[in-house]
């Protein structure tokens, strides 16, 4: 059986992406949650299970095969589950979805750095920094393009819930946590993501966690 090792569900955005990929695949998997930055964290990272990723989560084991990095996990599970659950069937839509997922994977550093994921909190609105506003503007732009060109009658960016929605799901939670300004069309999409059964399961588990990491419990500067 697949085994996915992830960090705290309240805080670990990349773990959320990998976990959503496992759920989206429909394949059975064992979930192992390890608390980030606790007293055993450094020692745990030195173990054999973490060695391929240098201690980073998520990391997916499939027998002797190991995959780390959320986008690599998406592609591995896409192949393993038949290639029809993660990306749009239309080649043009699929090309755009993959480009958006890759941009999320490599970009938007100011937003990610200054507004870390914390599913258990909602902070009052505060004027974001200019570089964060630029990130938000770009996200609104590509969300709008995807919805207009390929959303159809579905609730998600390319109709049904897929890999690109999994990649942006932690961003949706950040927009809510920090009460960040979004375009008028965006709340409907954000609500669809948050109400998806996979996300509801993750959020409920995050709320039930006992672990608190103080550096992630502060509103943005």
Protein backbone atom coordinates (compact mmCIF):
# COMPACT_ATOMS: atom_id res chain seq x y z
CA UNK A 1 0.00 0.00 0.00
CA UNK A 2 1.07 3.58 -0.59
CA UNK A 3 2.36 5.41 2.48
CA UNK A 4 2.26 9.20 2.63
CA UNK A 5 4.20 11.00 5.35
CA UNK A 6 2.95 14.52 6.03
CA UNK A 7 3.34 17.32 8.55
CA UNK A 8 0.80 19.09 10.75
CA UNK A 9 -2.48 19.56 8.92
CA UNK A 10 -2.99 23.02 10.39
CA UNK A 11 0.22 24.38 8.91
CA UNK A 12 1.78 22.21 6.19
CA UNK A 13 0.62 23.49 2.83
CA UNK A 14 2.79 21.16 0.76
CA UNK A 15 1.53 18.20 2.79
CA UNK A 16 -2.02 19.23 1.93
CA UNK A 17 -1.19 19.16 -1.77
CA UNK A 18 0.34 15.70 -1.56
CA UNK A 19 -2.55 14.39 0.55
CA UNK A 20 -5.15 15.77 -1.87
CA UNK A 21 -3.29 14.05 -4.69
CA UNK A 22 -3.56 10.73 -2.86
CA UNK A 23 -7.26 11.25 -2.25
CA UNK A 24 -7.81 12.30 -5.85
CA UNK A 25 -6.10 9.15 -7.11
CA UNK A 26 -8.68 6.95 -5.43
CA UNK A 27 -5.90 4.55 -4.39
CA UNK A 28 -5.71 3.25 -0.80
CA UNK A 29 -2.90 4.79 1.21
CA UNK A 30 -1.56 4.88 4.73
CA UNK A 31 -1.28 8.37 6.21
CA UNK A 32 1.48 9.13 8.68
CA UNK A 33 1.40 12.55 10.34
CA UNK A 34 4.61 13.77 11.98
CA UNK A 35 4.61 16.97 14.06
CA UNK A 36 6.81 19.63 12.53
CA UNK A 37 9.62 21.15 14.61
CA UNK A 38 8.91 19.23 17.82
CA UNK A 39 11.72 17.98 20.06
CA UNK A 40 12.16 14.86 17.91
CA UNK A 41 12.04 16.64 14.56
CA UNK A 42 15.78 16.80 13.80
CA UNK A 43 16.34 13.17 14.79
CA UNK A 44 13.28 12.00 12.88
CA UNK A 45 14.46 13.71 9.70
CA UNK A 46 17.65 11.64 9.81
CA UNK A 47 15.70 8.38 9.53
CA UNK A 48 15.70 6.20 6.43
CA UNK A 49 12.12 7.10 5.50
CA UNK A 50 13.05 10.78 5.18
CA UNK A 51 16.50 10.41 3.65
CA UNK A 52 15.44 10.74 -0.01
CA UNK A 53 13.78 14.12 0.64
CA UNK A 54 16.39 15.39 3.12
CA UNK A 55 13.72 15.40 5.79
CA UNK A 56 11.06 17.35 3.91
CA UNK A 57 7.37 16.44 3.77
CA UNK A 58 5.34 15.22 2.03
CA UNK A 59 7.11 12.07 0.98
CA UNK A 60 5.32 9.15 -0.68
CA UNK A 61 6.49 5.56 -0.51
CA UNK A 62 5.17 2.90 -2.88
CA UNK A 63 7.04 -0.23 -1.92
CA UNK A 64 10.65 0.53 -2.82
CA UNK A 65 9.67 3.50 -4.96
CA UNK A 66 9.81 6.90 -3.28
CA UNK A 67 8.46 10.23 -4.49
CA UNK A 68 8.87 13.60 -2.80
CA UNK A 69 7.79 17.08 -3.82
CA UNK A 70 4.06 17.63 -4.19
CA UNK A 71 4.02 18.14 -7.94
CA UNK A 72 6.06 14.98 -8.48
CA UNK A 73 3.57 13.11 -6.28
CA UNK A 74 0.73 14.45 -8.44
CA UNK A 75 2.35 13.17 -11.61
CA UNK A 76 3.31 9.80 -10.11
CA UNK A 77 -0.23 9.17 -8.87
CA UNK A 78 -1.70 10.42 -12.14
CA UNK A 79 0.19 7.67 -13.95
CA UNK A 80 -0.50 5.04 -11.32
CA UNK A 81 -4.25 5.69 -11.21
CA UNK A 82 -4.86 5.56 -14.96
CA UNK A 83 -4.14 9.11 -16.09
CA UNK A 84 -7.74 10.33 -16.12
CA UNK A 85 -8.36 11.82 -12.65
CA UNK A 86 -5.92 14.71 -12.34
CA UNK A 87 -5.83 16.76 -15.53
CA UNK A 88 -8.42 17.91 -18.10
CA UNK A 89 -8.94 15.60 -21.06
CA UNK A 90 -8.81 18.46 -23.59
CA UNK A 91 -5.15 19.03 -24.61
CA UNK A 92 -5.39 22.83 -24.53
CA UNK A 93 -7.06 22.81 -21.12
CA UNK A 94 -4.54 20.28 -19.85
CA UNK A 95 -1.65 22.42 -21.02
CA UNK A 96 -3.03 25.44 -19.19
CA UNK A 97 -3.79 23.45 -16.04
CA UNK A 98 -0.26 22.05 -15.93
CA UNK A 99 1.21 25.51 -16.48
CA UNK A 100 -0.86 26.93 -13.62
CA UNK A 101 0.12 24.10 -11.29
CA UNK A 102 3.79 24.61 -12.16
CA UNK A 103 3.53 28.36 -11.59
CA UNK A 104 1.99 27.73 -8.18
CA UNK A 105 4.73 25.25 -7.42
CA UNK A 106 7.58 27.64 -8.23
CA UNK A 107 6.07 31.10 -7.75
CA UNK A 108 4.21 33.43 -5.39
CA UNK A 109 7.04 33.45 -2.85
CA UNK A 110 5.99 36.70 -1.09
CA UNK A 111 2.47 35.40 -0.47
CA UNK A 112 3.74 32.06 0.79
CA UNK A 113 6.49 33.58 2.93
CA UNK A 114 4.46 36.34 4.56
CA UNK A 115 1.15 34.50 4.92
CA UNK A 116 1.88 30.96 6.04
CA UNK A 117 -0.93 28.43 6.09
CA UNK A 118 -2.85 28.21 9.35
CA UNK A 119 -6.24 26.61 8.87
CA UNK A 120 -7.30 27.20 12.49
CA UNK A 121 -7.13 30.99 12.41
CA UNK A 122 -8.93 33.90 10.74
CA UNK A 123 -7.23 37.26 11.25
CA UNK A 124 -8.76 40.70 10.67
CA UNK A 125 -8.01 42.34 7.32
CA UNK A 126 -4.72 44.20 7.04
CA UNK A 127 -3.24 45.94 4.03
CA UNK A 128 -0.93 43.42 2.34
CA UNK A 129 2.53 44.36 1.15
CA UNK A 130 2.84 45.39 -2.49
CA UNK A 131 4.61 42.20 -3.52
CA UNK A 132 1.84 40.14 -1.94
CA UNK A 133 -0.77 42.19 -3.79
CA UNK A 134 1.06 41.46 -7.03
CA UNK A 135 0.91 37.74 -6.26
CA UNK A 136 -2.79 37.96 -5.48
CA UNK A 137 -3.41 39.86 -8.70
CA UNK A 138 -1.63 37.23 -10.75
CA UNK A 139 -3.56 34.42 -9.06
CA UNK A 140 -6.85 36.20 -9.73
CA UNK A 141 -5.82 36.62 -13.37
CA UNK A 142 -5.09 32.96 -14.02
CA UNK A 143 -8.08 31.76 -12.00
CA UNK A 144 -10.33 34.00 -14.08
CA UNK A 145 -8.80 32.78 -17.35
CA UNK A 146 -9.25 29.14 -16.40
CA UNK A 147 -12.83 29.61 -15.25
CA UNK A 148 -13.78 31.62 -18.34
CA UNK A 149 -12.14 29.30 -20.87
CA UNK A 150 -12.57 25.87 -19.34
CA UNK A 151 -14.66 26.04 -16.15
CA UNK A 152 -17.93 25.34 -17.92
CA UNK A 153 -20.73 24.39 -15.56
CA UNK A 154 -18.33 23.01 -12.95
CA UNK A 155 -17.39 24.70 -9.69
CA UNK A 156 -13.64 24.38 -10.10
CA UNK A 157 -10.98 25.91 -12.33
CA UNK A 158 -11.38 23.38 -15.12
CA UNK A 159 -14.82 22.03 -14.24
CA UNK A 160 -14.33 19.04 -11.93
CA UNK A 161 -11.91 19.06 -8.99
CA UNK A 162 -8.42 18.22 -10.24
CA UNK A 163 -4.71 18.56 -9.69
CA UNK A 164 -4.61 22.30 -10.28
CA UNK A 165 -7.28 22.83 -7.61
CA UNK A 166 -5.23 20.69 -5.22
CA UNK A 167 -2.20 22.87 -5.90
CA UNK A 168 -4.13 26.07 -5.16
CA UNK A 169 -6.11 24.73 -2.17
CA UNK A 170 -3.57 25.99 0.41
CA UNK A 171 -3.73 29.42 -1.24
CA UNK A 172 -7.49 29.42 -0.76
CA UNK A 173 -7.00 28.78 2.95
CA UNK A 174 -4.46 31.61 3.16
CA UNK A 175 -6.89 34.04 1.56
CA UNK A 176 -9.42 33.14 4.26
CA UNK A 177 -6.98 33.06 7.19
CA UNK A 178 -5.58 36.53 6.48
CA UNK A 179 -8.78 38.05 5.05
CA UNK A 180 -6.88 38.95 1.89
CA UNK A 181 -8.56 40.94 -0.90
CA UNK A 182 -9.77 38.83 -3.84
CA UNK A 183 -11.73 39.49 -7.02
CA UNK A 184 -15.53 39.39 -6.94
CA UNK A 185 -15.72 36.06 -8.75
CA UNK A 186 -13.23 34.31 -6.45
CA UNK A 187 -15.29 33.58 -3.29
CA UNK A 188 -17.57 31.18 -5.18
CA UNK A 189 -14.58 29.15 -6.31
CA UNK A 190 -12.90 29.37 -2.92
CA UNK A 191 -16.05 28.14 -1.19
CA UNK A 192 -16.29 25.21 -3.60
CA UNK A 193 -12.72 24.22 -2.70
CA UNK A 194 -13.30 24.56 1.04
CA UNK A 195 -16.56 22.60 0.90
CA UNK A 196 -15.11 19.74 -1.13
CA UNK A 197 -15.31 16.54 0.96
CA UNK A 198 -11.54 16.04 0.83
CA UNK A 199 -10.95 19.54 2.18
CA UNK A 200 -13.63 19.14 4.83
CA UNK A 201 -11.86 16.01 6.09
CA UNK A 202 -8.49 17.79 6.16
CA UNK A 203 -9.89 20.88 7.91
CA UNK A 204 -11.64 18.77 10.56
CA UNK A 205 -8.40 16.90 11.26
CA UNK A 206 -6.47 20.18 11.44
CA UNK A 207 -8.93 21.55 13.97
CA UNK A 208 -8.52 18.42 16.08
CA UNK A 209 -4.72 18.58 16.25
CA UNK A 210 -3.14 19.31 19.62
CA UNK A 211 0.12 20.70 18.24
CA UNK A 212 0.69 24.45 18.30
CA UNK A 213 3.66 26.09 16.59
CA UNK A 214 3.84 29.63 17.91
CA UNK A 215 5.71 31.11 14.95
CA UNK A 216 2.79 30.10 12.71
CA UNK A 217 0.19 31.49 15.11
CA UNK A 218 0.85 35.16 14.42
CA UNK A 219 -0.94 37.44 11.96
CA UNK A 220 1.08 38.72 9.05
CA UNK A 221 3.42 41.64 9.83
